[in-house]
Amino acid sequence: MGSTQAPVMPTVGEIAHRLGVAVHQVSYVIDSRRIQPVGWAGNCKVFSEADVQHIASELARIERDRQRGTP
């Protein structure tokens, strides 16, 4: 019998770690952009890799706007 790998679905903390930002920044993007988790691992929300990319692009946009002084 071969082993089966479960897909890796990152939590908010893992996303923050991957992107090198604070957890509250990731949480802000998830809440403000209404990004829904694809599931739960115990009490932790888990997200898809597409969600991680969306969160990363939103954080980059927020940073660009901040540097430009855009509200």
PDB file of N, CA and C in Angstrom:
ATOM      1  N   MET A   1       0.836  -1.177   0.000  1.00  0.00           N
ATOM      2  CA  MET A   1       0.000   0.000   0.000  1.00  0.00           C
ATOM      3  C   MET A   1       0.883   1.243   0.000  1.00  0.00           C
ATOM      4  N   GLY A   2       0.620   2.198  -0.877  1.00  0.00           N
ATOM      5  CA  GLY A   2       1.384   3.438  -0.930  1.00  0.00           C
ATOM      6  C   GLY A   2       0.847   4.458   0.043  1.00  0.00           C
ATOM      7  N   SER A   3       1.688   5.375   0.412  1.00  0.00           N
ATOM      8  CA  SER A   3       1.238   6.424   1.324  1.00  0.00           C
ATOM      9  C   SER A   3       0.538   7.527   0.545  1.00  0.00           C
ATOM     10  N   THR A   4      -0.433   8.121   1.160  1.00  0.00           N
ATOM     11  CA  THR A   4      -1.182   9.214   0.553  1.00  0.00           C
ATOM     12  C   THR A   4      -0.888  10.486   1.337  1.00  0.00           C
ATOM     13  N   GLN A   5      -0.482  11.508   0.626  1.00  0.00           N
ATOM     14  CA  GLN A   5      -0.197  12.790   1.259  1.00  0.00           C
ATOM     15  C   GLN A   5      -1.457  13.649   1.256  1.00  0.00           C
ATOM     16  N   ALA A   6      -1.766  14.217   2.391  1.00  0.00           N
ATOM     17  CA  ALA A   6      -2.875  15.168   2.474  1.00  0.00           C
ATOM     18  C   ALA A   6      -2.394  16.502   1.916  1.00  0.00           C
ATOM     19  N   PRO A   7      -3.261  17.227   1.234  1.00  0.00           N
ATOM     20  CA  PRO A   7      -2.837  18.530   0.712  1.00  0.00           C
ATOM     21  C   PRO A   7      -2.485  19.483   1.848  1.00  0.00           C
ATOM     22  N   VAL A   8      -1.481  20.294   1.617  1.00  0.00           N
ATOM     23  CA  VAL A   8      -1.079  21.290   2.612  1.00  0.00           C
ATOM     24  C   VAL A   8      -1.943  22.521   2.409  1.00  0.00           C
ATOM     25  N   MET A   9      -2.651  22.896   3.452  1.00  0.00           N
ATOM     26  CA  MET A   9      -3.505  24.071   3.393  1.00  0.00           C
ATOM     27  C   MET A   9      -3.088  24.978   4.529  1.00  0.00           C
ATOM     28  N   PRO A  10      -2.522  26.132   4.191  1.00  0.00           N
ATOM     29  CA  PRO A  10      -1.959  27.000   5.220  1.00  0.00           C
ATOM     30  C   PRO A  10      -2.995  27.712   6.082  1.00  0.00           C
ATOM     31  N   THR A  11      -2.608  27.905   7.335  1.00  0.00           N
ATOM     32  CA  THR A  11      -3.395  28.694   8.286  1.00  0.00           C
ATOM     33  C   THR A  11      -2.970  30.154   8.164  1.00  0.00           C
ATOM     34  N   VAL A  12      -3.653  31.029   8.888  1.00  0.00           N
ATOM     35  CA  VAL A  12      -3.300  32.457   8.891  1.00  0.00           C
ATOM     36  C   VAL A  12      -1.846  32.638   9.335  1.00  0.00           C
ATOM     37  N   GLY A  13      -1.448  31.927  10.375  1.00  0.00           N
ATOM     38  CA  GLY A  13      -0.075  32.036  10.867  1.00  0.00           C
ATOM     39  C   GLY A  13       0.945  31.577   9.846  1.00  0.00           C
ATOM     40  N   GLU A  14       0.657  30.487   9.154  1.00  0.00           N
ATOM     41  CA  GLU A  14       1.566  29.988   8.126  1.00  0.00           C
ATOM     42  C   GLU A  14       1.662  30.964   6.963  1.00  0.00           C
ATOM     43  N   ILE A  15       0.537  31.548   6.577  1.00  0.00           N
ATOM     44  CA  ILE A  15       0.544  32.542   5.496  1.00  0.00           C
ATOM     45  C   ILE A  15       1.410  33.728   5.901  1.00  0.00           C
ATOM     46  N   ALA A  16       1.236  34.217   7.121  1.00  0.00           N
ATOM     47  CA  ALA A  16       2.032  35.345   7.612  1.00  0.00           C
ATOM     48  C   ALA A  16       3.516  34.991   7.591  1.00  0.00           C
ATOM     49  N   HIS A  17       3.848  33.801   8.024  1.00  0.00           N
ATOM     50  CA  HIS A  17       5.242  33.356   8.033  1.00  0.00           C
ATOM     51  C   HIS A  17       5.804  33.308   6.611  1.00  0.00           C
ATOM     52  N   ARG A  18       5.064  32.725   5.701  1.00  0.00           N
ATOM     53  CA  ARG A  18       5.512  32.632   4.295  1.00  0.00           C
ATOM     54  C   ARG A  18       5.740  34.002   3.681  1.00  0.00           C
ATOM     55  N   LEU A  19       4.839  34.935   3.986  1.00  0.00           N
ATOM     56  CA  LEU A  19       4.910  36.260   3.361  1.00  0.00           C
ATOM     57  C   LEU A  19       5.794  37.233   4.134  1.00  0.00           C
ATOM     58  N   GLY A  20       6.240  36.835   5.313  1.00  0.00           N
ATOM     59  CA  GLY A  20       7.114  37.689   6.109  1.00  0.00           C
ATOM     60  C   GLY A  20       6.421  38.920   6.670  1.00  0.00           C
ATOM     61  N   VAL A  21       5.163  38.757   7.033  1.00  0.00           N
ATOM     62  CA  VAL A  21       4.386  39.863   7.603  1.00  0.00           C
ATOM     63  C   VAL A  21       3.761  39.406   8.920  1.00  0.00           C
ATOM     64  N   ALA A  22       3.187  40.354   9.643  1.00  0.00           N
ATOM     65  CA  ALA A  22       2.532  40.050  10.909  1.00  0.00           C
ATOM     66  C   ALA A  22       1.179  39.366  10.666  1.00  0.00           C
ATOM     67  N   VAL A  23       0.788  38.534  11.614  1.00  0.00           N
ATOM     68  CA  VAL A  23      -0.488  37.820  11.529  1.00  0.00           C
ATOM     69  C   VAL A  23      -1.645  38.804  11.397  1.00  0.00           C
ATOM     70  N   HIS A  24      -1.595  39.930  12.121  1.00  0.00           N
ATOM     71  CA  HIS A  24      -2.721  40.868  12.058  1.00  0.00           C
ATOM     72  C   HIS A  24      -2.880  41.473  10.664  1.00  0.00           C
ATOM     73  N   GLN A  25      -1.788  41.582   9.902  1.00  0.00           N
ATOM     74  CA  GLN A  25      -1.889  42.101   8.537  1.00  0.00           C
ATOM     75  C   GLN A  25      -2.633  41.106   7.644  1.00  0.00           C
ATOM     76  N   VAL A  26      -2.312  39.836   7.781  1.00  0.00           N
ATOM     77  CA  VAL A  26      -2.999  38.801   7.010  1.00  0.00           C
ATOM     78  C   VAL A  26      -4.467  38.752   7.419  1.00  0.00           C
ATOM     79  N   SER A  27      -4.728  38.803   8.710  1.00  0.00           N
ATOM     80  CA  SER A  27      -6.111  38.785   9.197  1.00  0.00           C
ATOM     81  C   SER A  27      -6.904  39.966   8.655  1.00  0.00           C
ATOM     82  N   TYR A  28      -6.273  41.138   8.607  1.00  0.00           N
ATOM     83  CA  TYR A  28      -6.944  42.331   8.071  1.00  0.00           C
ATOM     84  C   TYR A  28      -7.366  42.107   6.621  1.00  0.00           C
ATOM     85  N   VAL A  29      -6.449  41.592   5.794  1.00  0.00           N
ATOM     86  CA  VAL A  29      -6.771  41.362   4.384  1.00  0.00           C
ATOM     87  C   VAL A  29      -7.883  40.319   4.258  1.00  0.00           C
ATOM     88  N   ILE A  30      -7.791  39.250   5.012  1.00  0.00           N
ATOM     89  CA  ILE A  30      -8.819  38.205   4.954  1.00  0.00           C
ATOM     90  C   ILE A  30     -10.182  38.784   5.322  1.00  0.00           C
ATOM     91  N   ASP A  31     -10.240  39.564   6.386  1.00  0.00           N
ATOM     92  CA  ASP A  31     -11.516  40.139   6.829  1.00  0.00           C
ATOM     93  C   ASP A  31     -12.019  41.212   5.873  1.00  0.00           C
ATOM     94  N   SER A  32     -11.150  42.142   5.487  1.00  0.00           N
ATOM     95  CA  SER A  32     -11.596  43.271   4.674  1.00  0.00           C
ATOM     96  C   SER A  32     -11.928  42.874   3.240  1.00  0.00           C
ATOM     97  N   ARG A  33     -11.299  41.820   2.741  1.00  0.00           N
ATOM     98  CA  ARG A  33     -11.569  41.348   1.371  1.00  0.00           C
ATOM     99  C   ARG A  33     -12.549  40.175   1.361  1.00  0.00           C
ATOM    100  N   ARG A  34     -13.025  39.834   2.543  1.00  0.00           N
ATOM    101  CA  ARG A  34     -14.011  38.757   2.707  1.00  0.00           C
ATOM    102  C   ARG A  34     -13.558  37.457   2.051  1.00  0.00           C
ATOM    103  N   ILE A  35     -12.314  37.094   2.304  1.00  0.00           N
ATOM    104  CA  ILE A  35     -11.761  35.844   1.790  1.00  0.00           C
ATOM    105  C   ILE A  35     -12.215  34.723   2.720  1.00  0.00           C
ATOM    106  N   GLN A  36     -12.884  33.749   2.159  1.00  0.00           N
ATOM    107  CA  GLN A  36     -13.441  32.648   2.944  1.00  0.00           C
ATOM    108  C   GLN A  36     -12.441  31.490   3.010  1.00  0.00           C
ATOM    109  N   PRO A  37     -12.289  30.878   4.163  1.00  0.00           N
ATOM    110  CA  PRO A  37     -11.413  29.705   4.256  1.00  0.00           C
ATOM    111  C   PRO A  37     -12.004  28.548   3.449  1.00  0.00           C
ATOM    112  N   VAL A  38     -11.119  27.673   2.989  1.00  0.00           N
ATOM    113  CA  VAL A  38     -11.600  26.487   2.275  1.00  0.00           C
ATOM    114  C   VAL A  38     -11.968  25.380   3.248  1.00  0.00           C
ATOM    115  N   GLY A  39     -11.599  25.554   4.509  1.00  0.00           N
ATOM    116  CA  GLY A  39     -11.931  24.554   5.514  1.00  0.00           C
ATOM    117  C   GLY A  39     -11.368  24.931   6.867  1.00  0.00           C
ATOM    118  N   TRP A  40     -11.453  23.973   7.765  1.00  0.00           N
ATOM    119  CA  TRP A  40     -10.982  24.165   9.129  1.00  0.00           C
ATOM    120  C   TRP A  40     -10.104  22.982   9.512  1.00  0.00           C
ATOM    121  N   ALA A  41      -9.062  23.259  10.264  1.00  0.00           N
ATOM    122  CA  ALA A  41      -8.222  22.224  10.874  1.00  0.00           C
ATOM    123  C   ALA A  41      -8.316  22.478  12.373  1.00  0.00           C
ATOM    124  N   GLY A  42      -9.220  21.782  13.017  1.00  0.00           N
ATOM    125  CA  GLY A  42      -9.496  22.076  14.419  1.00  0.00           C
ATOM    126  C   GLY A  42     -10.140  23.441  14.512  1.00  0.00           C
ATOM    127  N   ASN A  43      -9.508  24.362  15.255  1.00  0.00           N
ATOM    128  CA  ASN A  43     -10.033  25.723  15.394  1.00  0.00           C
ATOM    129  C   ASN A  43      -9.411  26.701  14.417  1.00  0.00           C
ATOM    130  N   CYS A  44      -8.552  26.229  13.522  1.00  0.00           N
ATOM    131  CA  CYS A  44      -7.827  27.107  12.601  1.00  0.00           C
ATOM    132  C   CYS A  44      -8.460  27.100  11.216  1.00  0.00           C
ATOM    133  N   LYS A  45      -8.634  28.276  10.671  1.00  0.00           N
ATOM    134  CA  LYS A  45      -9.079  28.396   9.284  1.00  0.00           C
ATOM    135  C   LYS A  45      -7.915  28.001   8.383  1.00  0.00           C
ATOM    136  N   VAL A  46      -8.211  27.314   7.291  1.00  0.00           N
ATOM    137  CA  VAL A  46      -7.181  26.988   6.308  1.00  0.00           C
ATOM    138  C   VAL A  46      -7.598  27.541   4.953  1.00  0.00           C
ATOM    139  N   PHE A  47      -6.582  27.896   4.166  1.00  0.00           N
ATOM    140  CA  PHE A  47      -6.799  28.576   2.900  1.00  0.00           C
ATOM    141  C   PHE A  47      -6.092  27.849   1.767  1.00  0.00           C
ATOM    142  N   SER A  48      -6.523  28.111   0.552  1.00  0.00           N
ATOM    143  CA  SER A  48      -5.910  27.502  -0.623  1.00  0.00           C
ATOM    144  C   SER A  48      -4.662  28.293  -1.026  1.00  0.00           C
ATOM    145  N   GLU A  49      -3.873  27.706  -1.904  1.00  0.00           N
ATOM    146  CA  GLU A  49      -2.696  28.406  -2.426  1.00  0.00           C
ATOM    147  C   GLU A  49      -3.122  29.629  -3.241  1.00  0.00           C
ATOM    148  N   ALA A  50      -4.261  29.544  -3.912  1.00  0.00           N
ATOM    149  CA  ALA A  50      -4.781  30.701  -4.648  1.00  0.00           C
ATOM    150  C   ALA A  50      -5.112  31.836  -3.679  1.00  0.00           C
ATOM    151  N   ASP A  51      -5.653  31.490  -2.514  1.00  0.00           N
ATOM    152  CA  ASP A  51      -5.940  32.499  -1.495  1.00  0.00           C
ATOM    153  C   ASP A  51      -4.649  33.156  -1.007  1.00  0.00           C
ATOM    154  N   VAL A  52      -3.607  32.348  -0.829  1.00  0.00           N
ATOM    155  CA  VAL A  52      -2.316  32.893  -0.387  1.00  0.00           C
ATOM    156  C   VAL A  52      -1.817  33.919  -1.394  1.00  0.00           C
ATOM    157  N   GLN A  53      -1.916  33.601  -2.679  1.00  0.00           N
ATOM    158  CA  GLN A  53      -1.474  34.535  -3.718  1.00  0.00           C
ATOM    159  C   GLN A  53      -2.334  35.803  -3.720  1.00  0.00           C
ATOM    160  N   HIS A  54      -3.629  35.649  -3.511  1.00  0.00           N
ATOM    161  CA  HIS A  54      -4.534  36.803  -3.442  1.00  0.00           C
ATOM    162  C   HIS A  54      -4.164  37.695  -2.256  1.00  0.00           C
ATOM    163  N   ILE A  55      -3.927  37.088  -1.113  1.00  0.00           N
ATOM    164  CA  ILE A  55      -3.538  37.835   0.089  1.00  0.00           C
ATOM    165  C   ILE A  55      -2.221  38.561  -0.152  1.00  0.00           C
ATOM    166  N   ALA A  56      -1.256  37.886  -0.762  1.00  0.00           N
ATOM    167  CA  ALA A  56       0.051  38.505  -1.051  1.00  0.00           C
ATOM    168  C   ALA A  56      -0.114  39.707  -1.976  1.00  0.00           C
ATOM    169  N   SER A  57      -0.947  39.574  -3.000  1.00  0.00           N
ATOM    170  CA  SER A  57      -1.128  40.692  -3.931  1.00  0.00           C
ATOM    171  C   SER A  57      -1.845  41.859  -3.259  1.00  0.00           C
ATOM    172  N   GLU A  58      -2.797  41.574  -2.392  1.00  0.00           N
ATOM    173  CA  GLU A  58      -3.490  42.643  -1.667  1.00  0.00           C
ATOM    174  C   GLU A  58      -2.548  43.359  -0.700  1.00  0.00           C
ATOM    175  N   LEU A  59      -1.704  42.605  -0.015  1.00  0.00           N
ATOM    176  CA  LEU A  59      -0.725  43.232   0.885  1.00  0.00           C
ATOM    177  C   LEU A  59       0.244  44.116   0.100  1.00  0.00           C
ATOM    178  N   ALA A  60       0.663  43.658  -1.071  1.00  0.00           N
ATOM    179  CA  ALA A  60       1.560  44.459  -1.914  1.00  0.00           C
ATOM    180  C   ALA A  60       0.855  45.738  -2.375  1.00  0.00           C
ATOM    181  N   ARG A  61      -0.419  45.623  -2.753  1.00  0.00           N
ATOM    182  CA  ARG A  61      -1.185  46.806  -3.183  1.00  0.00           C
ATOM    183  C   ARG A  61      -1.330  47.799  -2.039  1.00  0.00           C
ATOM    184  N   ILE A  62      -1.620  47.301  -0.849  1.00  0.00           N
ATOM    185  CA  ILE A  62      -1.755  48.171   0.323  1.00  0.00           C
ATOM    186  C   ILE A  62      -0.440  48.898   0.582  1.00  0.00           C
ATOM    187  N   GLU A  63       0.663  48.184   0.478  1.00  0.00           N
ATOM    188  CA  GLU A  63       1.978  48.798   0.700  1.00  0.00           C
ATOM    189  C   GLU A  63       2.289  49.845  -0.360  1.00  0.00           C
ATOM    190  N   ARG A  64       1.970  49.552  -1.623  1.00  0.00           N
ATOM    191  CA  ARG A  64       2.190  50.547  -2.693  1.00  0.00           C
ATOM    192  C   ARG A  64       1.371  51.806  -2.431  1.00  0.00           C
ATOM    193  N   ASP A  65       0.106  51.626  -2.060  1.00  0.00           N
ATOM    194  CA  ASP A  65      -0.766  52.769  -1.787  1.00  0.00           C
ATOM    195  C   ASP A  65      -0.245  53.563  -0.582  1.00  0.00           C
ATOM    196  N   ARG A  66       0.245  52.871   0.427  1.00  0.00           N
ATOM    197  CA  ARG A  66       0.786  53.541   1.608  1.00  0.00           C
ATOM    198  C   ARG A  66       1.992  54.387   1.248  1.00  0.00           C
ATOM    199  N   GLN A  67       2.872  53.852   0.407  1.00  0.00           N
ATOM    200  CA  GLN A  67       4.066  54.587   0.001  1.00  0.00           C
ATOM    201  C   GLN A  67       3.723  55.807  -0.848  1.00  0.00           C
ATOM    202  N   ARG A  68       2.643  55.694  -1.624  1.00  0.00           N
ATOM    203  CA  ARG A  68       2.202  56.828  -2.452  1.00  0.00           C
ATOM    204  C   ARG A  68       1.407  57.852  -1.659  1.00  0.00           C
ATOM    205  N   GLY A  69       1.013  57.485  -0.459  1.00  0.00           N
ATOM    206  CA  GLY A  69       0.198  58.385   0.346  1.00  0.00           C
ATOM    207  C   GLY A  69      -1.262  58.327  -0.016  1.00  0.00           C
ATOM    208  N   THR A  70      -1.678  57.261  -0.727  1.00  0.00           N
ATOM    209  CA  THR A  70      -3.080  57.095  -1.104  1.00  0.00           C
ATOM    210  C   THR A  70      -3.849  56.558   0.087  1.00  0.00           C
ATOM    211  N   PRO A  71      -4.973  57.166   0.427  1.00  0.00           N
ATOM    212  CA  PRO A  71      -5.754  56.685   1.575  1.00  0.00           C
ATOM    213  C   PRO A  71      -6.382  55.340   1.316  1.00  0.00           C
TER     214      PRO A  71
END
